[in-house]
Amino acid sequence: MIVEEDGPGYVFRRLRAEAGVYAPGEVTFLAGLLSCIFCVSVWAAAILYVTRGLRFPQWILAVSAGALLVNRAIDKS
């Protein structure tokens, strides 16, 4: 949702705009991060791992891979 959707009340769209995703010219680190589904899925999974207190760090890769599979399934339909 963070990368492709506007979100409720355009919250994700405004977040991307503040980061400079839609600005022409030089791409900042944050703009690149918020426009890449691979990057967002890994960081979101890492945050989930830390906040939920999971035991195995492999959960980061598993959750990220799940998000990428869902994204691919949605793109094909």
C-alpha atoms as a PDB file:
ATOM      1  CA  MET A   1       0.000   0.000   0.000  1.00  0.00           C
ATOM      2  CA  ILE A   2       2.810   2.402   0.824  1.00  0.00           C
ATOM      3  CA  VAL A   3       4.337   2.141  -2.657  1.00  0.00           C
ATOM      4  CA  GLU A   4       1.309   2.053  -4.962  1.00  0.00           C
ATOM      5  CA  GLU A   5      -1.900   3.057  -3.165  1.00  0.00           C
ATOM      6  CA  ASP A   6      -3.143   6.474  -2.043  1.00  0.00           C
ATOM      7  CA  GLY A   7      -4.390   5.155   1.288  1.00  0.00           C
ATOM      8  CA  PRO A   8      -7.232   6.402   3.453  1.00  0.00           C
ATOM      9  CA  GLY A   9      -7.327  10.181   3.348  1.00  0.00           C
ATOM     10  CA  TYR A  10      -4.426  10.113   0.849  1.00  0.00           C
ATOM     11  CA  VAL A  11      -2.022   9.437   3.738  1.00  0.00           C
ATOM     12  CA  PHE A  12       0.400   7.284   1.707  1.00  0.00           C
ATOM     13  CA  ARG A  13       0.283   9.643  -1.268  1.00  0.00           C
ATOM     14  CA  ARG A  14       1.132  12.591   1.000  1.00  0.00           C
ATOM     15  CA  LEU A  15       3.949  10.590   2.619  1.00  0.00           C
ATOM     16  CA  ARG A  16       5.453   9.867  -0.799  1.00  0.00           C
ATOM     17  CA  ALA A  17       5.030  13.503  -1.848  1.00  0.00           C
ATOM     18  CA  GLU A  18       6.807  14.739   1.296  1.00  0.00           C
ATOM     19  CA  ALA A  19       9.638  12.289   0.627  1.00  0.00           C
ATOM     20  CA  GLY A  20      10.014  13.668  -2.901  1.00  0.00           C
ATOM     21  CA  VAL A  21       8.835  10.672  -4.910  1.00  0.00           C
ATOM     22  CA  TYR A  22       6.918  12.882  -7.354  1.00  0.00           C
ATOM     23  CA  ALA A  23       9.529  15.664  -7.523  1.00  0.00           C
ATOM     24  CA  PRO A  24      11.484  15.895 -10.776  1.00  0.00           C
ATOM     25  CA  GLY A  25      15.240  15.815 -10.650  1.00  0.00           C
ATOM     26  CA  GLU A  26      17.445  14.223  -8.016  1.00  0.00           C
ATOM     27  CA  VAL A  27      16.015  11.192  -6.229  1.00  0.00           C
ATOM     28  CA  THR A  28      16.637  11.234  -2.494  1.00  0.00           C
ATOM     29  CA  PHE A  29      17.294   8.111  -0.425  1.00  0.00           C
ATOM     30  CA  LEU A  30      13.854   8.261   1.189  1.00  0.00           C
ATOM     31  CA  ALA A  31      12.129   8.802  -2.164  1.00  0.00           C
ATOM     32  CA  GLY A  32      13.912   5.769  -3.575  1.00  0.00           C
ATOM     33  CA  LEU A  33      12.981   3.736  -0.527  1.00  0.00           C
ATOM     34  CA  LEU A  34       9.285   4.637  -0.703  1.00  0.00           C
ATOM     35  CA  SER A  35       9.002   3.946  -4.426  1.00  0.00           C
ATOM     36  CA  CYS A  36      10.504   0.431  -4.351  1.00  0.00           C
ATOM     37  CA  ILE A  37       8.269  -2.498  -3.357  1.00  0.00           C
ATOM     38  CA  PHE A  38      11.332  -4.625  -2.566  1.00  0.00           C
ATOM     39  CA  CYS A  39      12.765  -2.015  -0.187  1.00  0.00           C
ATOM     40  CA  VAL A  40       9.494  -1.287   1.581  1.00  0.00           C
ATOM     41  CA  SER A  41       8.702  -4.974   2.073  1.00  0.00           C
ATOM     42  CA  VAL A  42      12.046  -5.657   3.766  1.00  0.00           C
ATOM     43  CA  TRP A  43      11.873  -2.586   6.030  1.00  0.00           C
ATOM     44  CA  ALA A  44       8.240  -3.235   6.952  1.00  0.00           C
ATOM     45  CA  ALA A  45       9.059  -6.867   7.773  1.00  0.00           C
ATOM     46  CA  ALA A  46      12.044  -5.775   9.878  1.00  0.00           C
ATOM     47  CA  ILE A  47       9.863  -3.350  11.842  1.00  0.00           C
ATOM     48  CA  LEU A  48       7.277  -6.083  12.323  1.00  0.00           C
ATOM     49  CA  TYR A  49      10.027  -8.448  13.511  1.00  0.00           C
ATOM     50  CA  VAL A  50      11.307  -5.969  16.095  1.00  0.00           C
ATOM     51  CA  THR A  51       7.927  -4.840  17.399  1.00  0.00           C
ATOM     52  CA  ARG A  52       6.392  -8.317  17.619  1.00  0.00           C
ATOM     53  CA  GLY A  53       9.415  -9.899  19.329  1.00  0.00           C
ATOM     54  CA  LEU A  54       9.671 -12.837  16.963  1.00  0.00           C
ATOM     55  CA  ARG A  55      12.412 -15.373  17.681  1.00  0.00           C
ATOM     56  CA  PHE A  56      13.907 -16.026  14.277  1.00  0.00           C
ATOM     57  CA  PRO A  57      15.254 -13.309  11.953  1.00  0.00           C
ATOM     58  CA  GLN A  58      14.231 -15.463   8.980  1.00  0.00           C
ATOM     59  CA  TRP A  59      10.756 -14.003   9.513  1.00  0.00           C
ATOM     60  CA  ILE A  60      12.007 -10.787   7.905  1.00  0.00           C
ATOM     61  CA  LEU A  61      12.715 -12.599   4.639  1.00  0.00           C
ATOM     62  CA  ALA A  62       9.558 -14.706   4.858  1.00  0.00           C
ATOM     63  CA  VAL A  63       7.236 -11.739   5.375  1.00  0.00           C
ATOM     64  CA  SER A  64       9.039  -9.764   2.668  1.00  0.00           C
ATOM     65  CA  ALA A  65       8.722 -12.667   0.219  1.00  0.00           C
ATOM     66  CA  GLY A  66       5.023 -12.980   1.060  1.00  0.00           C
ATOM     67  CA  ALA A  67       4.479  -9.303   0.311  1.00  0.00           C
ATOM     68  CA  LEU A  68       6.296  -9.644  -3.012  1.00  0.00           C
ATOM     69  CA  LEU A  69       4.235 -12.700  -3.983  1.00  0.00           C
ATOM     70  CA  VAL A  70       1.010 -10.854  -3.217  1.00  0.00           C
ATOM     71  CA  ASN A  71       2.225  -7.875  -5.252  1.00  0.00           C
ATOM     72  CA  ARG A  72       3.093 -10.117  -8.198  1.00  0.00           C
ATOM     73  CA  ALA A  73      -0.288 -11.879  -8.035  1.00  0.00           C
ATOM     74  CA  ILE A  74      -2.106  -8.545  -8.039  1.00  0.00           C
ATOM     75  CA  ASP A  75      -0.039  -7.205 -10.950  1.00  0.00           C
ATOM     76  CA  LYS A  76      -0.868 -10.236 -13.104  1.00  0.00           C
ATOM     77  CA  SER A  77      -4.630  -9.927 -12.657  1.00  0.00           C
END
